[in-house]
Amino acid sequence: MDRGGGMLMYYRRRGKQQTLKVWRSICTACLLLRDMLWCGTVTQQTAHKNTMVICVLGRYLLKSSLCSRSWCRKSSLYSAGHGFQPEEIREKLRAFPGGAVDLLTQGETGLAVLTVNNPSRMNAFSGAMMVELEERVSQLESWTQGKGLIVRGAAGTFCSGSDLNAVRAISNPQDGMKMCMFMQDALTRLQRLPLVSVALVEGRALGGGSELSTACDFRLMTPDSVIQFVHKHMGLVPGWGGAARLVRLVGDRHALRLLGGALKVDPELGLRIGLADGVLEEGAPQDGDEGAALRQAEEWLSRYTKGPAEVIRAAKRVVSSGRELPLTEALRAEKEVFGTVWGGEANLRALAGKTKHK
């Protein structure tokens, strides 16, 4: 075994040993409390309070011991061995300014809204916006109170992909591959966020915009909206991870029809093939109220984000593991995530209130 493989095995063993130590400490403390209760050294009420403290402490100790594992790590798809030099790519992309990617977080609800904002270009991504998208994803990775995310476009249009001014300037294969790796990495990290995410598709989602929509857990469409993978008209295929995600969403045959035919997916077709998860009510914007669709999306998303943040985030983590990992690894990841909520505050409250069947 080479040195790299040996080090990997060492850290895996070390992680398991730390986890075992945490569980042994919890068990020892609980047994000690039980003996003290039997001997009359402590009252039942005191023992119950101390058990709760031990469980909460153990949960956080276990969580910290697992943070080196893959599901808790901010990992990139690519490394320097693939020619992936993020800072070099960022510098090149920043040379093409225009537009913005805005992020609004709501602490009281745990919902965030990420807006692709470049209306004069149908919300196409300039180079600078690609860098901003990655920065916003980094902010969301650090937002521990978050539960849900809505991705939308400004001024009634979702996103039309890449700004052609930037595309023409980096049309050589080397720069194209670098941009491809950068956006694949950013959108994969977006998909892996421990937030339940929904793309609010208003107007048109074209090319890279359609790829962006597939990086969300759900897609809501307004009645007049369209999702279209127009890549073939540009002599291309998706390069931001959209094709791989599309196959997983709708199956290979539907994916081939959408890519090979550049079909326009309206809400009816979207629902039929599984690309859309809902259609907003007819005539959502009234009296110039452009926020009506966003409010509907927030209400729709709130069904899946009610409850403690740690539980919603854990649910998203186990789904992400099940989606991406082989079964054996997914089961192990699920066990680790389970360990972070077992005995947690939400779990103990539910047990005390007997809320399981309510």
Protein backbone atom coordinates (compact mmCIF):
# COMPACT_ATOMS: atom_id res chain seq x y z
CA MET A 1 0.00 0.00 0.00
CA ASP A 2 1.36 3.48 -0.88
CA ARG A 3 1.85 6.13 1.75
CA GLY A 4 -1.31 8.03 0.75
CA GLY A 5 -3.46 4.91 1.07
CA GLY A 6 -1.84 4.08 4.40
CA MET A 7 -2.56 7.56 5.75
CA LEU A 8 -6.19 7.30 4.63
CA MET A 9 -6.61 3.99 6.45
CA TYR A 10 -4.94 5.49 9.53
CA TYR A 11 -7.37 8.42 9.69
CA ARG A 12 -10.36 6.13 9.10
CA ARG A 13 -9.28 3.91 12.02
CA ARG A 14 -8.64 7.00 14.12
CA GLY A 15 -12.14 8.34 13.37
CA LYS A 16 -13.74 5.04 14.42
CA GLN A 17 -11.68 4.99 17.63
CA GLN A 18 -12.81 8.53 18.51
CA THR A 19 -16.44 7.58 17.92
CA LEU A 20 -16.10 4.50 20.14
CA LYS A 21 -14.54 6.61 22.90
CA VAL A 22 -17.48 9.03 22.82
CA TRP A 23 -20.05 6.22 23.03
CA ARG A 24 -18.14 4.50 25.87
CA SER A 25 -18.04 7.76 27.82
CA ILE A 26 -21.80 8.28 27.37
CA CYS A 27 -22.57 4.71 28.47
CA THR A 28 -20.26 4.96 31.51
CA ALA A 29 -21.85 8.23 32.64
CA CYS A 30 -25.39 6.82 32.25
CA LEU A 31 -24.52 3.67 34.20
CA LEU A 32 -23.01 5.78 36.98
CA LEU A 33 -26.21 7.84 37.19
CA ARG A 34 -28.28 4.65 37.32
CA ASP A 35 -26.23 3.30 40.25
CA MET A 36 -26.50 6.63 42.09
CA LEU A 37 -30.28 6.62 41.58
CA TRP A 38 -30.58 3.08 42.96
CA CYS A 39 -28.46 4.00 46.00
CA GLY A 40 -30.56 7.10 46.66
CA THR A 41 -27.61 9.44 46.18
CA VAL A 42 -29.59 11.52 43.64
CA THR A 43 -33.30 12.07 43.08
CA GLN A 44 -35.09 10.85 39.97
CA GLN A 45 -35.59 14.44 38.77
CA THR A 46 -31.87 15.23 39.11
CA ALA A 47 -30.94 12.00 37.33
CA HIS A 48 -33.30 12.83 34.47
CA LYS A 49 -31.80 16.32 34.06
CA ASN A 50 -28.26 14.98 34.12
CA THR A 51 -29.14 12.30 31.56
CA MET A 52 -30.40 15.01 29.22
CA VAL A 53 -27.17 16.96 29.68
CA ILE A 54 -25.08 13.85 28.99
CA CYS A 55 -27.05 13.06 25.82
CA VAL A 56 -26.71 16.60 24.47
CA LEU A 57 -23.01 16.73 25.32
CA GLY A 58 -22.46 13.33 23.75
CA ARG A 59 -24.26 14.42 20.61
CA TYR A 60 -21.96 17.40 20.13
CA LEU A 61 -18.85 15.38 20.96
CA LEU A 62 -19.89 12.74 18.46
CA LYS A 63 -20.66 15.38 15.84
CA SER A 64 -17.24 16.97 16.25
CA SER A 65 -15.50 13.59 16.05
CA LEU A 66 -17.23 12.90 12.74
CA CYS A 67 -16.58 16.25 11.07
CA SER A 68 -13.53 14.87 9.31
CA ARG A 69 -15.74 12.34 7.51
CA SER A 70 -16.82 12.93 3.93
CA TRP A 71 -20.45 13.96 4.54
CA CYS A 72 -19.40 16.79 6.86
CA ARG A 73 -16.48 18.05 4.78
CA LYS A 74 -16.58 20.82 2.17
CA SER A 75 -15.01 18.78 -0.59
CA SER A 76 -14.26 19.82 -4.15
CA LEU A 77 -14.90 17.60 -7.13
CA TYR A 78 -11.50 18.34 -8.58
CA SER A 79 -7.96 18.80 -7.31
CA ALA A 80 -4.69 20.18 -8.63
CA GLY A 81 -4.08 16.76 -10.17
CA HIS A 82 -6.99 17.48 -12.53
CA GLY A 83 -5.54 20.88 -13.40
CA PHE A 84 -8.06 22.55 -11.07
CA GLN A 85 -6.58 25.80 -9.76
CA PRO A 86 -9.56 27.70 -8.32
CA GLU A 87 -7.81 31.02 -7.71
CA GLU A 88 -6.41 31.10 -11.22
CA ILE A 89 -9.88 30.41 -12.64
CA ARG A 90 -11.48 33.06 -10.40
CA GLU A 91 -9.01 35.68 -11.60
CA LYS A 92 -9.75 34.86 -15.24
CA LEU A 93 -13.52 34.91 -14.71
CA ARG A 94 -13.47 38.22 -12.83
CA ALA A 95 -12.20 39.85 -16.03
CA PHE A 96 -15.80 39.63 -17.33
CA PRO A 97 -17.95 41.79 -15.02
CA GLY A 98 -21.66 42.42 -14.97
CA GLY A 99 -24.67 41.40 -12.92
CA ALA A 100 -24.68 39.93 -9.43
CA VAL A 101 -25.71 36.88 -7.43
CA ASP A 102 -27.63 38.11 -4.40
CA LEU A 103 -28.23 36.16 -1.20
CA LEU A 104 -30.83 36.93 1.47
CA THR A 105 -30.99 34.76 4.59
CA GLN A 106 -33.94 34.78 6.97
CA GLY A 107 -32.85 33.77 10.44
CA GLU A 108 -36.37 33.48 11.85
CA THR A 109 -37.56 30.98 9.21
CA GLY A 110 -34.25 29.36 8.27
CA LEU A 111 -34.97 30.08 4.59
CA ALA A 112 -32.58 31.75 2.14
CA VAL A 113 -33.22 33.23 -1.29
CA LEU A 114 -30.44 33.20 -3.90
CA THR A 115 -31.17 35.49 -6.87
CA VAL A 116 -29.37 35.45 -10.22
CA ASN A 117 -29.49 39.15 -11.02
CA ASN A 118 -28.54 40.27 -14.53
CA PRO A 119 -31.87 41.26 -16.16
CA SER A 120 -30.35 43.09 -19.13
CA ARG A 121 -28.81 39.77 -20.24
CA MET A 122 -31.79 37.56 -19.27
CA ASN A 123 -29.88 36.74 -16.07
CA ALA A 124 -27.03 35.13 -17.98
CA PHE A 125 -23.94 34.40 -15.88
CA SER A 126 -21.04 36.75 -16.47
CA GLY A 127 -17.61 35.52 -15.36
CA ALA A 128 -17.82 37.63 -12.20
CA MET A 129 -21.23 36.14 -11.41
CA MET A 130 -19.81 32.62 -11.61
CA VAL A 131 -17.30 33.61 -8.93
CA GLU A 132 -20.07 35.23 -6.88
CA LEU A 133 -22.15 32.07 -7.10
CA GLU A 134 -19.31 30.06 -5.60
CA GLU A 135 -18.89 32.66 -2.84
CA ARG A 136 -22.60 32.52 -2.01
CA VAL A 137 -22.44 28.72 -1.83
CA SER A 138 -19.53 29.05 0.62
CA GLN A 139 -21.65 31.39 2.76
CA LEU A 140 -24.50 28.90 2.78
CA GLU A 141 -22.14 26.07 3.73
CA SER A 142 -21.29 28.05 6.87
CA TRP A 143 -24.90 29.01 7.69
CA THR A 144 -25.69 26.52 10.43
CA GLN A 145 -29.21 27.82 11.16
CA GLY A 146 -30.43 27.30 7.59
CA LYS A 147 -33.11 24.82 6.55
CA GLY A 148 -34.26 25.79 3.06
CA LEU A 149 -33.10 27.59 -0.08
CA ILE A 150 -34.97 29.13 -3.02
CA VAL A 151 -32.98 29.77 -6.20
CA ARG A 152 -34.57 32.26 -8.59
CA GLY A 153 -33.86 34.84 -11.27
CA ALA A 154 -34.54 38.56 -11.15
CA ALA A 155 -37.30 40.34 -13.08
CA GLY A 156 -39.38 37.29 -13.98
CA THR A 157 -36.70 35.29 -15.83
CA PHE A 158 -34.83 32.36 -14.29
CA CYS A 159 -31.48 32.24 -16.14
CA SER A 160 -30.27 32.00 -19.73
CA GLY A 161 -26.95 30.31 -19.03
CA SER A 162 -23.58 31.92 -19.78
CA ASP A 163 -23.10 35.46 -21.01
CA LEU A 164 -21.90 35.06 -24.60
CA ASN A 165 -19.34 37.86 -24.16
CA ALA A 166 -17.51 35.73 -21.60
CA VAL A 167 -18.01 32.55 -23.62
CA ARG A 168 -16.42 34.05 -26.74
CA ALA A 169 -13.42 35.27 -24.77
CA ILE A 170 -12.68 31.85 -23.22
CA SER A 171 -13.60 29.73 -26.24
CA ASN A 172 -10.28 27.84 -26.30
CA PRO A 173 -10.52 24.26 -24.95
CA GLN A 174 -8.18 24.84 -21.99
CA ASP A 175 -10.14 27.76 -20.55
CA GLY A 176 -13.43 26.06 -21.36
CA MET A 177 -12.43 23.01 -19.33
CA LYS A 178 -11.39 25.21 -16.40
CA MET A 179 -14.73 27.02 -16.44
CA CYS A 180 -16.49 23.66 -16.69
CA MET A 181 -14.69 22.31 -13.60
CA PHE A 182 -15.34 25.54 -11.67
CA MET A 183 -19.09 25.53 -12.34
CA GLN A 184 -19.46 21.77 -11.83
CA ASP A 185 -17.78 22.18 -8.46
CA ALA A 186 -19.96 25.16 -7.44
CA LEU A 187 -23.24 23.52 -8.49
CA THR A 188 -22.35 20.17 -6.90
CA ARG A 189 -21.63 21.96 -3.63
CA LEU A 190 -24.96 23.78 -4.04
CA GLN A 191 -26.76 20.46 -4.45
CA ARG A 192 -24.97 18.98 -1.42
CA LEU A 193 -25.91 21.83 0.93
CA PRO A 194 -27.75 20.56 4.02
CA LEU A 195 -30.69 22.73 2.92
CA VAL A 196 -33.88 21.65 1.16
CA SER A 197 -33.59 23.59 -2.10
CA VAL A 198 -36.11 24.54 -4.77
CA ALA A 199 -35.60 26.30 -8.11
CA LEU A 200 -38.34 28.84 -8.73
CA VAL A 201 -38.51 28.81 -12.53
CA GLU A 202 -40.19 31.94 -13.89
CA GLY A 203 -39.93 32.79 -17.55
CA ARG A 204 -37.17 30.85 -19.26
CA ALA A 205 -34.43 28.58 -17.94
CA LEU A 206 -32.11 28.06 -20.91
CA GLY A 207 -28.79 26.23 -21.31
CA GLY A 208 -26.80 26.73 -18.13
CA GLY A 209 -29.98 28.03 -16.48
CA SER A 210 -31.61 24.63 -17.01
CA GLU A 211 -28.50 23.04 -15.51
CA LEU A 212 -28.75 25.35 -12.49
CA SER A 213 -32.34 24.22 -11.93
CA THR A 214 -31.23 20.56 -11.76
CA ALA A 215 -28.82 21.38 -8.91
CA CYS A 216 -31.84 21.97 -6.65
CA ASP A 217 -33.83 19.27 -4.87
CA PHE A 218 -37.12 20.49 -6.39
CA ARG A 219 -38.31 22.65 -9.28
CA LEU A 220 -41.43 24.83 -9.19
CA MET A 221 -42.61 26.34 -12.47
CA THR A 222 -44.91 29.25 -13.17
CA PRO A 223 -47.64 28.54 -15.77
CA ASP A 224 -45.83 30.35 -18.62
CA SER A 225 -42.32 29.11 -17.84
CA VAL A 226 -40.05 26.91 -19.96
CA ILE A 227 -36.98 24.81 -19.21
CA GLN A 228 -34.88 24.09 -22.30
CA PHE A 229 -31.50 22.44 -22.71
CA VAL A 230 -30.46 24.44 -25.79
CA HIS A 231 -26.84 23.29 -25.76
CA LYS A 232 -26.97 21.48 -29.09
CA HIS A 233 -27.87 24.74 -30.84
CA MET A 234 -24.53 26.07 -29.60
CA GLY A 235 -22.68 22.94 -30.75
CA LEU A 236 -22.28 21.81 -27.14
CA VAL A 237 -23.50 19.45 -24.46
CA PRO A 238 -24.10 20.45 -20.82
CA GLY A 239 -20.84 21.13 -18.98
CA TRP A 240 -22.00 22.27 -15.54
CA GLY A 241 -23.12 18.80 -14.42
CA GLY A 242 -26.63 19.23 -15.85
CA ALA A 243 -26.64 16.10 -18.01
CA ALA A 244 -25.59 13.76 -15.17
CA ARG A 245 -28.18 15.28 -12.84
CA LEU A 246 -30.87 15.22 -15.55
CA VAL A 247 -30.45 11.47 -16.11
CA ARG A 248 -30.97 10.88 -12.39
CA LEU A 249 -34.06 13.09 -12.37
CA VAL A 250 -35.95 11.88 -15.45
CA GLY A 251 -34.14 8.74 -16.64
CA ASP A 252 -31.86 8.25 -19.61
CA ARG A 253 -34.52 8.13 -22.34
CA HIS A 254 -36.23 11.37 -21.33
CA ALA A 255 -32.81 12.98 -20.80
CA LEU A 256 -31.74 12.00 -24.32
CA ARG A 257 -34.94 13.46 -25.76
CA LEU A 258 -34.43 16.74 -23.92
CA LEU A 259 -30.76 17.03 -24.91
CA GLY A 260 -30.95 15.62 -28.43
CA GLY A 261 -34.17 17.41 -29.33
CA ALA A 262 -33.59 20.60 -27.31
CA LEU A 263 -37.26 20.22 -26.34
CA LYS A 264 -39.09 23.02 -24.60
CA VAL A 265 -40.31 21.67 -21.27
CA ASP A 266 -43.48 23.47 -20.21
CA PRO A 267 -45.07 22.80 -16.79
CA GLU A 268 -47.30 20.01 -18.15
CA LEU A 269 -44.40 18.10 -19.71
CA GLY A 270 -42.21 18.85 -16.70
CA LEU A 271 -44.73 17.26 -14.33
CA ARG A 272 -45.22 14.28 -16.62
CA ILE A 273 -41.53 13.34 -16.87
CA GLY A 274 -40.61 14.28 -13.28
CA LEU A 275 -38.55 17.39 -14.00
CA ALA A 276 -41.07 19.70 -12.31
CA ASP A 277 -42.44 19.13 -8.82
CA GLY A 278 -45.21 21.68 -8.88
CA VAL A 279 -46.84 24.51 -10.82
CA LEU A 280 -47.67 27.80 -9.16
CA GLU A 281 -51.16 29.21 -9.37
CA GLU A 282 -52.30 30.94 -12.54
CA GLY A 283 -51.77 34.69 -12.58
CA ALA A 284 -49.46 34.76 -9.56
CA PRO A 285 -48.22 38.38 -10.05
CA GLN A 286 -51.13 40.75 -9.52
CA ASP A 287 -51.17 44.55 -9.63
CA GLY A 288 -47.46 44.67 -10.35
CA ASP A 289 -46.67 42.46 -7.36
CA GLU A 290 -43.58 40.57 -8.57
CA GLY A 291 -43.11 38.91 -5.18
CA ALA A 292 -46.24 36.75 -5.38
CA ALA A 293 -44.45 33.80 -7.00
CA LEU A 294 -41.69 33.98 -4.39
CA ARG A 295 -44.24 33.94 -1.57
CA GLN A 296 -45.92 30.90 -3.09
CA ALA A 297 -42.57 29.17 -3.34
CA GLU A 298 -41.77 29.99 0.30
CA GLU A 299 -45.13 28.59 1.38
CA TRP A 300 -44.57 25.44 -0.69
CA LEU A 301 -41.07 24.92 0.69
CA SER A 302 -42.15 25.50 4.29
CA ARG A 303 -43.97 22.13 4.23
CA TYR A 304 -40.58 20.43 4.15
CA THR A 305 -38.63 22.77 6.43
CA LYS A 306 -40.88 22.95 9.49
CA GLY A 307 -39.13 21.72 12.59
CA PRO A 308 -35.69 21.99 14.20
CA ALA A 309 -32.86 22.98 11.86
CA GLU A 310 -30.63 20.10 12.97
CA VAL A 311 -33.29 17.54 12.00
CA ILE A 312 -34.07 19.07 8.59
CA ARG A 313 -30.35 19.36 7.81
CA ALA A 314 -29.77 15.76 8.91
CA ALA A 315 -32.60 14.60 6.63
CA LYS A 316 -31.00 16.36 3.67
CA ARG A 317 -27.61 14.82 4.50
CA VAL A 318 -28.91 11.25 4.52
CA VAL A 319 -30.73 11.85 1.24
CA SER A 320 -27.56 13.29 -0.32
CA SER A 321 -25.60 10.25 0.84
CA GLY A 322 -28.21 7.87 -0.52
CA ARG A 323 -28.22 9.70 -3.85
CA GLU A 324 -24.46 9.79 -4.36
CA LEU A 325 -22.87 6.89 -2.49
CA PRO A 326 -22.91 3.11 -3.02
CA LEU A 327 -25.38 1.41 -0.68
CA THR A 328 -22.84 0.22 1.90
CA GLU A 329 -21.23 3.64 2.20
CA ALA A 330 -24.63 5.35 2.26
CA LEU A 331 -25.72 3.12 5.16
CA ARG A 332 -22.58 4.01 7.10
CA ALA A 333 -23.11 7.70 6.41
CA GLU A 334 -26.72 7.38 7.56
CA LYS A 335 -25.54 5.77 10.80
CA GLU A 336 -23.16 8.66 11.43
CA VAL A 337 -25.81 11.31 10.77
CA PHE A 338 -28.26 9.39 12.97
CA GLY A 339 -25.73 9.58 15.78
CA THR A 340 -25.75 13.38 15.67
CA VAL A 341 -29.50 13.68 16.31
CA TRP A 342 -30.07 10.68 18.61
CA GLY A 343 -30.33 12.07 22.13
CA GLY A 344 -30.41 15.61 20.78
CA GLU A 345 -32.73 18.33 22.04
CA ALA A 346 -35.39 17.66 19.40
CA ASN A 347 -35.27 13.92 20.03
CA LEU A 348 -35.57 14.34 23.81
CA ARG A 349 -38.45 16.82 23.48
CA ALA A 350 -40.29 14.42 21.18
CA LEU A 351 -39.78 11.54 23.63
CA ALA A 352 -40.96 13.65 26.56
CA GLY A 353 -44.02 14.82 24.65
CA LYS A 354 -44.76 11.41 23.10
CA THR A 355 -45.19 13.11 19.72
CA LYS A 356 -44.36 10.11 17.49
CA HIS A 357 -47.94 9.40 16.36
CA LYS A 358 -49.40 12.90 16.53
